[in-house]
Amino acid sequence: EALSIKRDADPTFDFCGYLEALPEPDGMYMGNANIIPRQPRLYLYHAYLVYMEAHGYRNALSLTMFGKGLSAMLKEYGLNYEKRRTNQGMQTNLALREESNADWLPKCDEPTAS
């Protein structure tokens, strides 16, 4: 029940509930706000921004603050956060859960607003 209360109170914490941890850091890349167009299935930060927009929140965390808070929030869900630096950027061990598609992710053929 504590998780449910936190999810209702904090949209970033709620977003973390849509993530699942993979055994190795070969999941989504962190990304940044300058990559256009947004690719919420590839970049974790883009997925967060799309989630915030879909729910009508205007004050998204900066990439730095999002990255700093991620580990602690995921621990509360019992998930271990790992990342590694690659030539394509920072790759995480995170993937979006299936319910993200129905709940807030845009359809593949719909361009996201930038």
C-alpha atoms as a PDB file:
ATOM      1  CA  GLU A   1       0.000   0.000   0.000  1.00  0.00           C
ATOM      2  CA  ALA A   2       2.899   2.384   0.655  1.00  0.00           C
ATOM      3  CA  LEU A   3       3.942   1.991  -2.996  1.00  0.00           C
ATOM      4  CA  SER A   4       0.432   2.896  -4.121  1.00  0.00           C
ATOM      5  CA  ILE A   5       0.434   6.071  -2.016  1.00  0.00           C
ATOM      6  CA  LYS A   6       3.850   7.093  -3.353  1.00  0.00           C
ATOM      7  CA  ARG A   7       2.763   6.369  -6.937  1.00  0.00           C
ATOM      8  CA  ASP A   8      -0.247   8.645  -6.492  1.00  0.00           C
ATOM      9  CA  ALA A   9       1.862  11.423  -4.960  1.00  0.00           C
ATOM     10  CA  ASP A  10       4.935  11.392  -7.214  1.00  0.00           C
ATOM     11  CA  PRO A  11       4.656  11.021 -11.003  1.00  0.00           C
ATOM     12  CA  THR A  12       8.341  10.133 -11.400  1.00  0.00           C
ATOM     13  CA  PHE A  13       7.950   7.366  -8.826  1.00  0.00           C
ATOM     14  CA  ASP A  14       4.828   6.195 -10.670  1.00  0.00           C
ATOM     15  CA  PHE A  15       6.773   6.102 -13.972  1.00  0.00           C
ATOM     16  CA  CYS A  16       9.306   3.763 -12.347  1.00  0.00           C
ATOM     17  CA  GLY A  17       6.457   1.310 -11.778  1.00  0.00           C
ATOM     18  CA  TYR A  18       6.319   0.823 -15.551  1.00  0.00           C
ATOM     19  CA  LEU A  19       9.930  -0.377 -15.657  1.00  0.00           C
ATOM     20  CA  GLU A  20      11.363  -3.852 -15.325  1.00  0.00           C
ATOM     21  CA  ALA A  21      14.985  -4.779 -14.706  1.00  0.00           C
ATOM     22  CA  LEU A  22      16.924  -7.016 -17.069  1.00  0.00           C
ATOM     23  CA  PRO A  23      19.802  -9.242 -15.867  1.00  0.00           C
ATOM     24  CA  GLU A  24      22.399  -7.185 -17.792  1.00  0.00           C
ATOM     25  CA  PRO A  25      22.658  -3.515 -18.829  1.00  0.00           C
ATOM     26  CA  ASP A  26      21.551  -4.252 -22.398  1.00  0.00           C
ATOM     27  CA  GLY A  27      18.167  -2.532 -22.204  1.00  0.00           C
ATOM     28  CA  MET A  28      17.087   1.032 -22.909  1.00  0.00           C
ATOM     29  CA  TYR A  29      19.585   3.849 -23.358  1.00  0.00           C
ATOM     30  CA  MET A  30      19.288   6.865 -21.064  1.00  0.00           C
ATOM     31  CA  GLY A  31      19.128   9.412 -23.923  1.00  0.00           C
ATOM     32  CA  ASN A  32      18.722  13.155 -23.470  1.00  0.00           C
ATOM     33  CA  ALA A  33      16.301  15.941 -24.355  1.00  0.00           C
ATOM     34  CA  ASN A  34      18.259  16.988 -27.466  1.00  0.00           C
ATOM     35  CA  ILE A  35      17.648  13.767 -29.413  1.00  0.00           C
ATOM     36  CA  ILE A  36      14.863  14.463 -31.907  1.00  0.00           C
ATOM     37  CA  PRO A  37      12.449  12.971 -32.657  1.00  0.00           C
ATOM     38  CA  ARG A  38      11.731  11.406 -29.314  1.00  0.00           C
ATOM     39  CA  GLN A  39      12.021   7.645 -29.232  1.00  0.00           C
ATOM     40  CA  PRO A  40      10.322   6.510 -26.002  1.00  0.00           C
ATOM     41  CA  ARG A  41      10.848   2.817 -26.727  1.00  0.00           C
ATOM     42  CA  LEU A  42      14.610   3.267 -27.087  1.00  0.00           C
ATOM     43  CA  TYR A  43      15.455   6.049 -24.629  1.00  0.00           C
ATOM     44  CA  LEU A  44      14.483   5.941 -20.974  1.00  0.00           C
ATOM     45  CA  TYR A  45      14.465   9.731 -20.553  1.00  0.00           C
ATOM     46  CA  HIS A  46      12.212  10.106 -23.619  1.00  0.00           C
ATOM     47  CA  ALA A  47       9.820   7.524 -22.159  1.00  0.00           C
ATOM     48  CA  TYR A  48       9.732   9.535 -18.920  1.00  0.00           C
ATOM     49  CA  LEU A  49       9.014  12.793 -20.797  1.00  0.00           C
ATOM     50  CA  VAL A  50       6.251  11.142 -22.867  1.00  0.00           C
ATOM     51  CA  TYR A  51       4.765   9.642 -19.683  1.00  0.00           C
ATOM     52  CA  MET A  52       4.736  13.082 -18.012  1.00  0.00           C
ATOM     53  CA  GLU A  53       3.069  14.700 -21.047  1.00  0.00           C
ATOM     54  CA  ALA A  54       0.486  11.914 -21.353  1.00  0.00           C
ATOM     55  CA  HIS A  55      -0.553  12.503 -17.745  1.00  0.00           C
ATOM     56  CA  GLY A  56      -0.639  16.299 -18.032  1.00  0.00           C
ATOM     57  CA  TYR A  57       2.363  17.037 -15.824  1.00  0.00           C
ATOM     58  CA  ARG A  58       4.277  20.142 -16.855  1.00  0.00           C
ATOM     59  CA  ASN A  59       7.273  20.008 -14.529  1.00  0.00           C
ATOM     60  CA  ALA A  60       9.411  17.073 -15.597  1.00  0.00           C
ATOM     61  CA  LEU A  61      12.746  16.503 -13.899  1.00  0.00           C
ATOM     62  CA  SER A  62      15.926  17.459 -15.711  1.00  0.00           C
ATOM     63  CA  LEU A  63      17.947  14.570 -17.090  1.00  0.00           C
ATOM     64  CA  THR A  64      20.461  14.998 -14.247  1.00  0.00           C
ATOM     65  CA  MET A  65      17.847  14.911 -11.491  1.00  0.00           C
ATOM     66  CA  PHE A  66      15.988  12.028 -13.156  1.00  0.00           C
ATOM     67  CA  GLY A  67      19.210  10.007 -13.323  1.00  0.00           C
ATOM     68  CA  LYS A  68      20.142  10.799  -9.719  1.00  0.00           C
ATOM     69  CA  GLY A  69      16.801   9.685  -8.306  1.00  0.00           C
ATOM     70  CA  LEU A  70      16.313   6.587 -10.418  1.00  0.00           C
ATOM     71  CA  SER A  71      18.332   4.107  -8.373  1.00  0.00           C
ATOM     72  CA  ALA A  72      16.610   4.898  -5.062  1.00  0.00           C
ATOM     73  CA  MET A  73      13.121   4.826  -6.586  1.00  0.00           C
ATOM     74  CA  LEU A  74      13.759   1.515  -8.347  1.00  0.00           C
ATOM     75  CA  LYS A  75      15.062  -0.014  -5.094  1.00  0.00           C
ATOM     76  CA  GLU A  76      11.668   0.653  -3.528  1.00  0.00           C
ATOM     77  CA  TYR A  77      10.142  -1.494  -6.277  1.00  0.00           C
ATOM     78  CA  GLY A  78      12.730  -4.179  -5.546  1.00  0.00           C
ATOM     79  CA  LEU A  79      14.595  -3.483  -8.799  1.00  0.00           C
ATOM     80  CA  ASN A  80      18.356  -3.216  -9.146  1.00  0.00           C
ATOM     81  CA  TYR A  81      19.538  -0.406 -11.459  1.00  0.00           C
ATOM     82  CA  GLU A  82      22.648  -0.972 -13.570  1.00  0.00           C
ATOM     83  CA  LYS A  83      24.175   1.001 -16.413  1.00  0.00           C
ATOM     84  CA  ARG A  84      27.201   0.906 -18.673  1.00  0.00           C
ATOM     85  CA  ARG A  85      28.801   3.372 -21.041  1.00  0.00           C
ATOM     86  CA  THR A  86      28.729   2.392 -24.729  1.00  0.00           C
ATOM     87  CA  ASN A  87      29.544   4.145 -27.997  1.00  0.00           C
ATOM     88  CA  GLN A  88      25.828   4.906 -28.349  1.00  0.00           C
ATOM     89  CA  GLY A  89      25.569   6.400 -24.856  1.00  0.00           C
ATOM     90  CA  MET A  90      24.644   5.171 -21.400  1.00  0.00           C
ATOM     91  CA  GLN A  91      22.811   1.842 -21.595  1.00  0.00           C
ATOM     92  CA  THR A  92      20.683   0.642 -18.685  1.00  0.00           C
ATOM     93  CA  ASN A  93      19.306  -2.701 -17.575  1.00  0.00           C
ATOM     94  CA  LEU A  94      15.776  -1.305 -17.789  1.00  0.00           C
ATOM     95  CA  ALA A  95      12.909  -2.021 -20.166  1.00  0.00           C
ATOM     96  CA  LEU A  96       9.319  -0.820 -20.302  1.00  0.00           C
ATOM     97  CA  ARG A  97       6.665  -3.191 -19.020  1.00  0.00           C
ATOM     98  CA  GLU A  98       4.024  -4.309 -21.513  1.00  0.00           C
ATOM     99  CA  GLU A  99       1.255  -2.248 -19.871  1.00  0.00           C
ATOM    100  CA  SER A 100       3.090   0.961 -20.844  1.00  0.00           C
ATOM    101  CA  ASN A 101       1.799   0.456 -24.392  1.00  0.00           C
ATOM    102  CA  ALA A 102      -1.852   0.589 -23.416  1.00  0.00           C
ATOM    103  CA  ASP A 103      -1.538   3.081 -20.591  1.00  0.00           C
ATOM    104  CA  TRP A 104       0.492   5.949 -22.062  1.00  0.00           C
ATOM    105  CA  LEU A 105       2.986   5.136 -24.825  1.00  0.00           C
ATOM    106  CA  PRO A 106       2.095   6.564 -28.239  1.00  0.00           C
ATOM    107  CA  LYS A 107       1.350   4.063 -30.967  1.00  0.00           C
ATOM    108  CA  CYS A 108       4.348   3.260 -33.185  1.00  0.00           C
ATOM    109  CA  ASP A 109       2.988   5.203 -36.152  1.00  0.00           C
ATOM    110  CA  GLU A 110       1.926   8.288 -34.213  1.00  0.00           C
ATOM    111  CA  PRO A 111       4.568  11.025 -34.165  1.00  0.00           C
ATOM    112  CA  THR A 112       5.132  12.378 -30.675  1.00  0.00           C
ATOM    113  CA  ALA A 113       4.881  16.092 -30.085  1.00  0.00           C
ATOM    114  CA  SER A 114       8.207  17.789 -29.590  1.00  0.00           C
END
